[in-house]
PDB file of all heavy atoms in Angstrom:
ATOM      1  N   THR A   1     102.705 124.022  68.448  1.00  0.00           N
ATOM      2  CA  THR A   1     102.028 125.078  68.999  1.00  0.00           C
ATOM      3  C   THR A   1     101.877 124.874  70.590  1.00  0.00           C
ATOM      4  O   THR A   1     101.499 123.844  71.052  1.00  0.00           O
ATOM      5  CB  THR A   1     100.502 125.125  68.451  1.00  0.00           C
ATOM      6  OG1 THR A   1     100.660 125.371  66.985  1.00  0.00           O
ATOM      7  CG2 THR A   1      99.816 126.287  69.100  1.00  0.00           C
ATOM      8  N   GLY A   2     102.257 126.048  71.259  1.00  0.00           N
ATOM      9  CA  GLY A   2     102.202 126.002  72.651  1.00  0.00           C
ATOM     10  C   GLY A   2     103.607 125.606  73.297  1.00  0.00           C
ATOM     11  O   GLY A   2     103.708 125.627  74.552  1.00  0.00           O
ATOM     12  N   GLY A   3     104.533 125.201  72.502  1.00  0.00           N
ATOM     13  CA  GLY A   3     105.789 124.877  72.968  1.00  0.00           C
ATOM     14  C   GLY A   3     106.717 126.065  73.295  1.00  0.00           C
ATOM     15  O   GLY A   3     106.330 127.244  73.086  1.00  0.00           O
ATOM     16  N   SER A   4     108.000 125.821  73.637  1.00  0.00           N
ATOM     17  CA  SER A   4     109.002 126.799  73.879  1.00  0.00           C
ATOM     18  C   SER A   4     110.173 126.658  73.292  1.00  0.00           C
ATOM     19  O   SER A   4     110.591 125.444  73.012  1.00  0.00           O
ATOM     20  CB  SER A   4     109.203 126.807  75.537  1.00  0.00           C
ATOM     21  OG  SER A   4     107.935 127.199  76.131  1.00  0.00           O
ATOM     22  N   LEU A   5     111.008 127.667  73.063  1.00  0.00           N
ATOM     23  CA  LEU A   5     112.400 127.654  72.533  1.00  0.00           C
ATOM     24  C   LEU A   5     113.015 128.811  73.164  1.00  0.00           C
ATOM     25  O   LEU A   5     112.584 129.779  73.534  1.00  0.00           O
ATOM     26  CB  LEU A   5     112.384 127.790  71.008  1.00  0.00           C
ATOM     27  CG  LEU A   5     112.157 126.672  70.126  1.00  0.00           C
ATOM     28  CD1 LEU A   5     112.006 127.173  68.692  1.00  0.00           C
ATOM     29  CD2 LEU A   5     113.088 125.527  70.306  1.00  0.00           C
ATOM     30  N   ARG A   6     114.465 128.568  73.333  1.00  0.00           N
ATOM     31  CA  ARG A   6     115.286 129.559  73.982  1.00  0.00           C
ATOM     32  C   ARG A   6     116.411 129.856  72.881  1.00  0.00           C
ATOM     33  O   ARG A   6     117.194 128.982  72.557  1.00  0.00           O
ATOM     34  CB  ARG A   6     115.797 129.122  75.157  1.00  0.00           C
ATOM     35  CG  ARG A   6     116.703 130.307  75.864  1.00  0.00           C
ATOM     36  CD  ARG A   6     117.243 129.855  77.233  1.00  0.00           C
ATOM     37  NE  ARG A   6     118.172 130.797  77.963  1.00  0.00           N
ATOM     38  CZ  ARG A   6     117.713 131.720  78.614  1.00  0.00           C
ATOM     39  NH1 ARG A   6     116.401 132.094  78.775  1.00  0.00           N
ATOM     40  NH2 ARG A   6     118.591 132.588  79.242  1.00  0.00           N
ATOM     41  N   LEU A   7     116.377 131.102  72.334  1.00  0.00           N
ATOM     42  CA  LEU A   7     117.413 131.466  71.288  1.00  0.00           C
ATOM     43  C   LEU A   7     118.576 132.129  71.961  1.00  0.00           C
ATOM     44  O   LEU A   7     118.331 132.870  73.008  1.00  0.00           O
ATOM     45  CB  LEU A   7     116.694 132.396  70.294  1.00  0.00           C
ATOM     46  CG  LEU A   7     115.511 131.947  69.561  1.00  0.00           C
ATOM     47  CD1 LEU A   7     115.129 132.898  68.499  1.00  0.00           C
ATOM     48  CD2 LEU A   7     115.797 130.583  68.930  1.00  0.00           C
ATOM     49  N   SER A   8     119.820 131.864  71.557  1.00  0.00           N
ATOM     50  CA  SER A   8     120.972 132.490  71.958  1.00  0.00           C
ATOM     51  C   SER A   8     121.659 133.368  71.031  1.00  0.00           C
ATOM     52  O   SER A   8     121.618 133.078  69.775  1.00  0.00           O
ATOM     53  CB  SER A   8     121.918 131.435  72.519  1.00  0.00           C
ATOM     54  OG  SER A   8     121.404 130.693  73.594  1.00  0.00           O
ATOM     55  N   CYS A   9     122.330 134.384  71.414  1.00  0.00           N
ATOM     56  CA  CYS A   9     123.072 135.415  70.551  1.00  0.00           C
ATOM     57  C   CYS A   9     124.363 135.578  71.196  1.00  0.00           C
ATOM     58  O   CYS A   9     124.506 136.169  72.236  1.00  0.00           O
ATOM     59  CB  CYS A   9     122.301 136.689  70.307  1.00  0.00           C
ATOM     60  SG  CYS A   9     123.206 137.742  69.277  1.00  0.00           S
ATOM     61  N   ALA A  10     125.443 135.078  70.512  1.00  0.00           N
ATOM     62  CA  ALA A  10     126.791 135.259  71.129  1.00  0.00           C
ATOM     63  C   ALA A  10     127.560 136.437  70.420  1.00  0.00           C
ATOM     64  O   ALA A  10     127.614 136.354  69.133  1.00  0.00           O
ATOM     65  CB  ALA A  10     127.596 133.954  71.116  1.00  0.00           C
ATOM     66  N   ALA A  11     128.133 137.223  71.025  1.00  0.00           N
ATOM     67  CA  ALA A  11     128.927 138.288  70.436  1.00  0.00           C
ATOM     68  C   ALA A  11     130.377 138.056  70.484  1.00  0.00           C
ATOM     69  O   ALA A  11     130.924 137.438  71.377  1.00  0.00           O
ATOM     70  CB  ALA A  11     128.595 139.624  71.184  1.00  0.00           C
ATOM     71  N   SER A  12     131.107 138.539  69.568  1.00  0.00           N
ATOM     72  CA  SER A  12     132.539 138.188  69.378  1.00  0.00           C
ATOM     73  C   SER A  12     133.348 139.113  70.278  1.00  0.00           C
ATOM     74  O   SER A  12     134.527 138.758  70.586  1.00  0.00           O
ATOM     75  CB  SER A  12     133.011 138.434  67.899  1.00  0.00           C
ATOM     76  OG  SER A  12     132.817 139.848  67.501  1.00  0.00           O
ATOM     77  N   GLY A  13     132.804 140.256  70.693  1.00  0.00           N
ATOM     78  CA  GLY A  13     133.593 141.132  71.589  1.00  0.00           C
ATOM     79  C   GLY A  13     132.685 141.658  72.622  1.00  0.00           C
ATOM     80  O   GLY A  13     131.447 141.249  72.806  1.00  0.00           O
ATOM     81  N   SER A  14     133.147 142.619  73.435  1.00  0.00           N
ATOM     82  CA  SER A  14     132.416 143.233  74.606  1.00  0.00           C
ATOM     83  C   SER A  14     131.142 143.853  74.133  1.00  0.00           C
ATOM     84  O   SER A  14     131.122 144.567  73.085  1.00  0.00           O
ATOM     85  CB  SER A  14     133.365 144.173  75.265  1.00  0.00           C
ATOM     86  OG  SER A  14     132.533 144.908  76.363  1.00  0.00           O
ATOM     87  N   ILE A  15     130.073 143.765  74.907  1.00  0.00           N
ATOM     88  CA  ILE A  15     128.899 144.423  74.623  1.00  0.00           C
ATOM     89  C   ILE A  15     128.430 145.331  75.719  1.00  0.00           C
ATOM     90  O   ILE A  15     127.429 145.864  75.690  1.00  0.00           O
ATOM     91  CB  ILE A  15     127.695 143.411  74.447  1.00  0.00           C
ATOM     92  CG1 ILE A  15     127.447 142.580  75.720  1.00  0.00           C
ATOM     93  CG2 ILE A  15     127.950 142.443  73.261  1.00  0.00           C
ATOM     94  CD1 ILE A  15     126.267 141.696  75.704  1.00  0.00           C
ATOM     95  N   PHE A  16     129.405 145.641  76.575  1.00  0.00           N
ATOM     96  CA  PHE A  16     129.147 146.555  77.659  1.00  0.00           C
ATOM     97  C   PHE A  16     128.743 147.990  77.202  1.00  0.00           C
ATOM     98  O   PHE A  16     127.947 148.682  77.783  1.00  0.00           O
ATOM     99  CB  PHE A  16     130.528 146.726  78.586  1.00  0.00           C
ATOM    100  CG  PHE A  16     130.554 145.726  79.638  1.00  0.00           C
ATOM    101  CD1 PHE A  16     131.631 144.753  79.432  1.00  0.00           C
ATOM    102  CD2 PHE A  16     129.774 145.572  80.697  1.00  0.00           C
ATOM    103  CE1 PHE A  16     131.932 143.749  80.438  1.00  0.00           C
ATOM    104  CE2 PHE A  16     129.880 144.611  81.671  1.00  0.00           C
ATOM    105  CZ  PHE A  16     130.991 143.701  81.501  1.00  0.00           C
ATOM    106  N   SER A  17     129.430 148.428  76.099  1.00  0.00           N
ATOM    107  CA  SER A  17     129.121 149.823  75.558  1.00  0.00           C
ATOM    108  C   SER A  17     128.029 149.819  74.510  1.00  0.00           C
ATOM    109  O   SER A  17     127.613 150.948  74.077  1.00  0.00           O
ATOM    110  CB  SER A  17     130.470 150.293  74.997  1.00  0.00           C
ATOM    111  OG  SER A  17     130.793 149.442  73.837  1.00  0.00           O
ATOM    112  N   ILE A  18     127.426 148.611  74.295  1.00  0.00           N
ATOM    113  CA  ILE A  18     126.294 148.697  73.275  1.00  0.00           C
ATOM    114  C   ILE A  18     125.014 148.738  73.991  1.00  0.00           C
ATOM    115  O   ILE A  18     124.538 147.915  74.730  1.00  0.00           O
ATOM    116  CB  ILE A  18     126.329 147.380  72.515  1.00  0.00           C
ATOM    117  CG1 ILE A  18     127.637 147.121  71.718  1.00  0.00           C
ATOM    118  CG2 ILE A  18     125.121 147.344  71.525  1.00  0.00           C
ATOM    119  CD1 ILE A  18     127.723 145.833  70.996  1.00  0.00           C
ATOM    120  N   ASN A  19     124.400 149.985  73.814  1.00  0.00           N
ATOM    121  CA  ASN A  19     123.168 150.233  74.547  1.00  0.00           C
ATOM    122  C   ASN A  19     122.020 149.416  74.156  1.00  0.00           C
ATOM    123  O   ASN A  19     121.427 148.709  75.079  1.00  0.00           O
ATOM    124  CB  ASN A  19     122.744 151.757  74.406  1.00  0.00           C
ATOM    125  CG  ASN A  19     121.807 152.172  75.351  1.00  0.00           C
ATOM    126  OD1 ASN A  19     121.477 151.508  76.489  1.00  0.00           O
ATOM    127  ND2 ASN A  19     121.012 153.228  75.033  1.00  0.00           N
ATOM    128  N   TYR A  20     121.672 149.324  72.879  1.00  0.00           N
ATOM    129  CA  TYR A  20     120.474 148.524  72.397  1.00  0.00           C
ATOM    130  C   TYR A  20     120.945 147.219  71.774  1.00  0.00           C
ATOM    131  O   TYR A  20     121.740 147.254  70.789  1.00  0.00           O
ATOM    132  CB  TYR A  20     119.668 149.447  71.409  1.00  0.00           C
ATOM    133  CG  TYR A  20     118.879 150.431  72.170  1.00  0.00           C
ATOM    134  CD1 TYR A  20     119.362 151.751  72.223  1.00  0.00           C
ATOM    135  CD2 TYR A  20     117.582 150.144  72.680  1.00  0.00           C
ATOM    136  CE1 TYR A  20     118.661 152.745  72.791  1.00  0.00           C
ATOM    137  CE2 TYR A  20     116.939 151.245  73.288  1.00  0.00           C
ATOM    138  CZ  TYR A  20     117.340 152.396  73.330  1.00  0.00           C
ATOM    139  OH  TYR A  20     116.610 153.498  73.888  1.00  0.00           O
ATOM    140  N   MET A  21     120.419 146.221  72.177  1.00  0.00           N
ATOM    141  CA  MET A  21     120.403 144.902  71.516  1.00  0.00           C
ATOM    142  C   MET A  21     119.045 144.232  71.484  1.00  0.00           C
ATOM    143  O   MET A  21     118.130 144.744  72.236  1.00  0.00           O
ATOM    144  CB  MET A  21     121.302 143.905  72.283  1.00  0.00           C
ATOM    145  CG  MET A  21     122.858 144.456  72.305  1.00  0.00           C
ATOM    146  SD  MET A  21     123.947 143.142  73.045  1.00  0.00           S
ATOM    147  CE  MET A  21     124.029 142.069  71.697  1.00  0.00           C
ATOM    148  N   GLY A  22     118.839 143.292  70.598  1.00  0.00           N
ATOM    149  CA  GLY A  22     117.660 142.740  70.436  1.00  0.00           C
ATOM    150  C   GLY A  22     117.434 141.798  69.344  1.00  0.00           C
ATOM    151  O   GLY A  22     118.350 141.183  68.871  1.00  0.00           O
ATOM    152  N   TRP A  23     116.136 141.517  69.023  1.00  0.00           N
ATOM    153  CA  TRP A  23     115.756 140.530  67.966  1.00  0.00           C
ATOM    154  C   TRP A  23     114.736 141.103  67.011  1.00  0.00           C
ATOM    155  O   TRP A  23     113.832 141.816  67.373  1.00  0.00           O
ATOM    156  CB  TRP A  23     115.217 139.279  68.641  1.00  0.00           C
ATOM    157  CG  TRP A  23     116.164 138.616  69.579  1.00  0.00           C
ATOM    158  CD1 TRP A  23     116.376 138.975  70.958  1.00  0.00           C
ATOM    159  CD2 TRP A  23     116.946 137.504  69.320  1.00  0.00           C
ATOM    160  NE1 TRP A  23     117.243 138.107  71.455  1.00  0.00           N
ATOM    161  CE2 TRP A  23     117.714 137.226  70.406  1.00  0.00           C
ATOM    162  CE3 TRP A  23     117.163 136.766  68.145  1.00  0.00           C
ATOM    163  CZ2 TRP A  23     118.521 136.048  70.483  1.00  0.00           C
ATOM    164  CZ3 TRP A  23     118.078 135.661  68.218  1.00  0.00           C
ATOM    165  CH2 TRP A  23     118.765 135.358  69.339  1.00  0.00           C
ATOM    166  N   PHE A  24     114.919 140.779  65.653  1.00  0.00           N
ATOM    167  CA  PHE A  24     113.932 140.826  64.765  1.00  0.00           C
ATOM    168  C   PHE A  24     113.673 139.435  64.160  1.00  0.00           C
ATOM    169  O   PHE A  24     114.509 138.590  64.308  1.00  0.00           O
ATOM    170  CB  PHE A  24     114.417 141.764  63.562  1.00  0.00           C
ATOM    171  CG  PHE A  24     114.220 143.287  63.811  1.00  0.00           C
ATOM    172  CD1 PHE A  24     115.094 143.902  64.577  1.00  0.00           C
ATOM    173  CD2 PHE A  24     113.349 143.956  63.194  1.00  0.00           C
ATOM    174  CE1 PHE A  24     115.079 145.318  64.915  1.00  0.00           C
ATOM    175  CE2 PHE A  24     113.135 145.369  63.356  1.00  0.00           C
ATOM    176  CZ  PHE A  24     114.062 145.929  64.143  1.00  0.00           C
ATOM    177  N   ARG A  25     112.559 139.333  63.506  1.00  0.00           N
ATOM    178  CA  ARG A  25     112.250 138.061  62.744  1.00  0.00           C
ATOM    179  C   ARG A  25     111.745 138.446  61.368  1.00  0.00           C
ATOM    180  O   ARG A  25     111.171 139.490  61.087  1.00  0.00           O
ATOM    181  CB  ARG A  25     111.265 137.293  63.494  1.00  0.00           C
ATOM    182  CG  ARG A  25     109.842 137.880  63.630  1.00  0.00           C
ATOM    183  CD  ARG A  25     109.031 136.997  64.661  1.00  0.00           C
ATOM    184  NE  ARG A  25     107.586 137.585  64.674  1.00  0.00           N
ATOM    185  CZ  ARG A  25     106.823 137.095  65.501  1.00  0.00           C
ATOM    186  NH1 ARG A  25     107.000 136.140  66.439  1.00  0.00           N
ATOM    187  NH2 ARG A  25     105.465 137.598  65.587  1.00  0.00           N
ATOM    188  N   GLN A  26     111.860 137.516  60.513  1.00  0.00           N
ATOM    189  CA  GLN A  26     111.463 137.557  59.118  1.00  0.00           C
ATOM    190  C   GLN A  26     110.815 136.325  58.648  1.00  0.00           C
ATOM    191  O   GLN A  26     111.423 135.225  58.494  1.00  0.00           O
ATOM    192  CB  GLN A  26     112.511 138.096  58.161  1.00  0.00           C
ATOM    193  CG  GLN A  26     112.043 138.397  56.774  1.00  0.00           C
ATOM    194  CD  GLN A  26     113.126 139.079  55.929  1.00  0.00           C
ATOM    195  OE1 GLN A  26     114.231 138.839  56.146  1.00  0.00           O
ATOM    196  NE2 GLN A  26     112.771 139.893  55.007  1.00  0.00           N
ATOM    197  N   ALA A  27     109.480 136.378  58.381  1.00  0.00           N
ATOM    198  CA  ALA A  27     108.650 135.187  57.885  1.00  0.00           C
ATOM    199  C   ALA A  27     108.814 135.186  56.309  1.00  0.00           C
ATOM    200  O   ALA A  27     109.108 136.238  55.763  1.00  0.00           O
ATOM    201  CB  ALA A  27     107.269 135.170  58.346  1.00  0.00           C
ATOM    202  N   LEU A  28     108.644 134.108  55.753  1.00  0.00           N
ATOM    203  CA  LEU A  28     108.674 133.946  54.154  1.00  0.00           C
ATOM    204  C   LEU A  28     107.729 134.965  53.632  1.00  0.00           C
ATOM    205  O   LEU A  28     106.518 134.980  53.907  1.00  0.00           O
ATOM    206  CB  LEU A  28     108.387 132.572  53.749  1.00  0.00           C
ATOM    207  CG  LEU A  28     109.562 131.583  53.921  1.00  0.00           C
ATOM    208  CD1 LEU A  28     109.067 130.121  53.513  1.00  0.00           C
ATOM    209  CD2 LEU A  28     110.769 131.936  52.964  1.00  0.00           C
ATOM    210  N   GLY A  29     108.185 135.797  52.660  1.00  0.00           N
ATOM    211  CA  GLY A  29     107.384 136.542  51.938  1.00  0.00           C
ATOM    212  C   GLY A  29     106.981 137.979  52.673  1.00  0.00           C
ATOM    213  O   GLY A  29     106.260 138.696  52.234  1.00  0.00           O
ATOM    214  N   LYS A  30     107.579 138.093  53.961  1.00  0.00           N
ATOM    215  CA  LYS A  30     107.285 139.217  54.753  1.00  0.00           C
ATOM    216  C   LYS A  30     108.410 139.970  55.052  1.00  0.00           C
ATOM    217  O   LYS A  30     109.582 139.506  54.955  1.00  0.00           O
ATOM    218  CB  LYS A  30     106.526 138.913  55.979  1.00  0.00           C
ATOM    219  CG  LYS A  30     105.112 138.168  55.665  1.00  0.00           C
ATOM    220  CD  LYS A  30     104.346 138.111  56.979  1.00  0.00           C
ATOM    221  CE  LYS A  30     102.990 137.513  56.667  1.00  0.00           C
ATOM    222  NZ  LYS A  30     102.271 137.397  58.081  1.00  0.00           N
ATOM    223  N   GLN A  31     108.253 141.258  55.443  1.00  0.00           N
ATOM    224  CA  GLN A  31     109.324 142.145  55.829  1.00  0.00           C
ATOM    225  C   GLN A  31     109.901 141.844  57.325  1.00  0.00           C
ATOM    226  O   GLN A  31     109.053 141.219  58.025  1.00  0.00           O
ATOM    227  CB  GLN A  31     108.963 143.628  55.836  1.00  0.00           C
ATOM    228  CG  GLN A  31     108.893 144.039  54.434  1.00  0.00           C
ATOM    229  CD  GLN A  31     108.541 145.721  54.338  1.00  0.00           C
ATOM    230  OE1 GLN A  31     107.600 146.119  54.912  1.00  0.00           O
ATOM    231  NE2 GLN A  31     109.322 146.405  53.482  1.00  0.00           N
ATOM    232  N   ARG A  32     111.002 142.297  57.663  1.00  0.00           N
ATOM    233  CA  ARG A  32     111.519 142.023  58.975  1.00  0.00           C
ATOM    234  C   ARG A  32     110.668 142.734  59.973  1.00  0.00           C
ATOM    235  O   ARG A  32     110.281 143.913  59.821  1.00  0.00           O
ATOM    236  CB  ARG A  32     112.981 142.441  59.026  1.00  0.00           C
ATOM    237  CG  ARG A  32     113.713 141.945  60.190  1.00  0.00           C
ATOM    238  CD  ARG A  32     115.195 142.227  60.058  1.00  0.00           C
ATOM    239  NE  ARG A  32     115.774 141.407  59.001  1.00  0.00           N
ATOM    240  CZ  ARG A  32     117.062 141.137  58.769  1.00  0.00           C
ATOM    241  NH1 ARG A  32     117.934 141.967  59.473  1.00  0.00           N
ATOM    242  NH2 ARG A  32     117.484 140.476  57.786  1.00  0.00           N
ATOM    243  N   GLU A  33     110.398 141.963  61.136  1.00  0.00           N
ATOM    244  CA  GLU A  33     109.465 142.543  62.143  1.00  0.00           C
ATOM    245  C   GLU A  33     110.220 142.661  63.392  1.00  0.00           C
ATOM    246  O   GLU A  33     110.930 141.627  63.848  1.00  0.00           O
ATOM    247  CB  GLU A  33     108.349 141.654  62.225  1.00  0.00           C
ATOM    248  CG  GLU A  33     107.401 141.862  63.418  1.00  0.00           C
ATOM    249  CD  GLU A  33     106.316 140.917  63.677  1.00  0.00           C
ATOM    250  OE1 GLU A  33     106.514 139.714  63.209  1.00  0.00           O
ATOM    251  OE2 GLU A  33     105.231 141.095  64.267  1.00  0.00           O
ATOM    252  N   PHE A  34     110.085 143.759  64.199  1.00  0.00           N
ATOM    253  CA  PHE A  34     110.694 143.890  65.489  1.00  0.00           C
ATOM    254  C   PHE A  34     110.075 142.902  66.469  1.00  0.00           C
ATOM    255  O   PHE A  34     108.836 142.769  66.596  1.00  0.00           O
ATOM    256  CB  PHE A  34     110.509 145.434  66.010  1.00  0.00           C
ATOM    257  CG  PHE A  34     110.851 145.504  67.456  1.00  0.00           C
ATOM    258  CD1 PHE A  34     112.094 145.534  67.802  1.00  0.00           C
ATOM    259  CD2 PHE A  34     109.881 145.752  68.342  1.00  0.00           C
ATOM    260  CE1 PHE A  34     112.545 145.856  69.145  1.00  0.00           C
ATOM    261  CE2 PHE A  34     110.300 145.909  69.680  1.00  0.00           C
ATOM    262  CZ  PHE A  34     111.619 145.954  70.040  1.00  0.00           C
ATOM    263  N   VAL A  35     110.900 142.261  67.334  1.00  0.00           N
ATOM    264  CA  VAL A  35     110.426 141.279  68.250  1.00  0.00           C
ATOM    265  C   VAL A  35     110.768 141.696  69.761  1.00  0.00           C
ATOM    266  O   VAL A  35     109.854 141.570  70.596  1.00  0.00           O
ATOM    267  CB  VAL A  35     111.087 139.915  68.064  1.00  0.00           C
ATOM    268  CG1 VAL A  35     110.768 139.005  69.105  1.00  0.00           C
ATOM    269  CG2 VAL A  35     110.723 139.391  66.624  1.00  0.00           C
ATOM    270  N   ALA A  36     111.980 142.287  70.017  1.00  0.00           N
ATOM    271  CA  ALA A  36     112.285 142.573  71.327  1.00  0.00           C
ATOM    272  C   ALA A  36     113.547 143.389  71.375  1.00  0.00           C
ATOM    273  O   ALA A  36     114.384 143.310  70.502  1.00  0.00           O
ATOM    274  CB  ALA A  36     112.479 141.400  72.238  1.00  0.00           C
ATOM    275  N   SER A  37     113.800 144.320  72.389  1.00  0.00           N
ATOM    276  CA  SER A  37     115.037 145.043  72.517  1.00  0.00           C
ATOM    277  C   SER A  37     115.249 145.073  74.023  1.00  0.00           C
ATOM    278  O   SER A  37     114.403 144.983  74.918  1.00  0.00           O
ATOM    279  CB  SER A  37     114.798 146.399  72.008  1.00  0.00           C
ATOM    280  OG  SER A  37     113.987 147.211  72.711  1.00  0.00           O
ATOM    281  N   ILE A  38     116.502 145.276  74.394  1.00  0.00           N
ATOM    282  CA  ILE A  38     116.970 145.469  75.777  1.00  0.00           C
ATOM    283  C   ILE A  38     118.141 146.423  75.730  1.00  0.00           C
ATOM    284  O   ILE A  38     119.114 146.306  74.968  1.00  0.00           O
ATOM    285  CB  ILE A  38     117.374 144.097  76.403  1.00  0.00           C
ATOM    286  CG1 ILE A  38     117.629 144.218  77.925  1.00  0.00           C
ATOM    287  CG2 ILE A  38     118.437 143.346  75.545  1.00  0.00           C
ATOM    288  CD1 ILE A  38     117.697 142.907  78.482  1.00  0.00           C
ATOM    289  N   THR A  39     118.254 147.372  76.723  1.00  0.00           N
ATOM    290  CA  THR A  39     119.316 148.191  76.854  1.00  0.00           C
ATOM    291  C   THR A  39     120.350 147.604  77.719  1.00  0.00           C
ATOM    292  O   THR A  39     120.122 146.563  78.291  1.00  0.00           O
ATOM    293  CB  THR A  39     118.800 149.497  77.481  1.00  0.00           C
ATOM    294  OG1 THR A  39     118.481 149.248  79.002  1.00  0.00           O
ATOM    295  CG2 THR A  39     117.595 150.156  76.718  1.00  0.00           C
ATOM    296  N   SER A  40     121.497 148.252  77.794  1.00  0.00           N
ATOM    297  CA  SER A  40     122.653 147.813  78.559  1.00  0.00           C
ATOM    298  C   SER A  40     122.255 147.747  80.063  1.00  0.00           C
ATOM    299  O   SER A  40     122.792 146.986  80.882  1.00  0.00           O
ATOM    300  CB  SER A  40     123.794 148.725  78.410  1.00  0.00           C
ATOM    301  OG  SER A  40     123.585 149.970  78.695  1.00  0.00           O
TER     302      SER A  40
END
């Protein structure tokens, strides 16, 4: 608790044309939850 992590996401091809990218998370027994988004 109180610590930090840096997650990475590598794409196989160009992301220039992809407007929205981001992150969801899913805890055990729960539905997927929106975490963050970023536009191009």
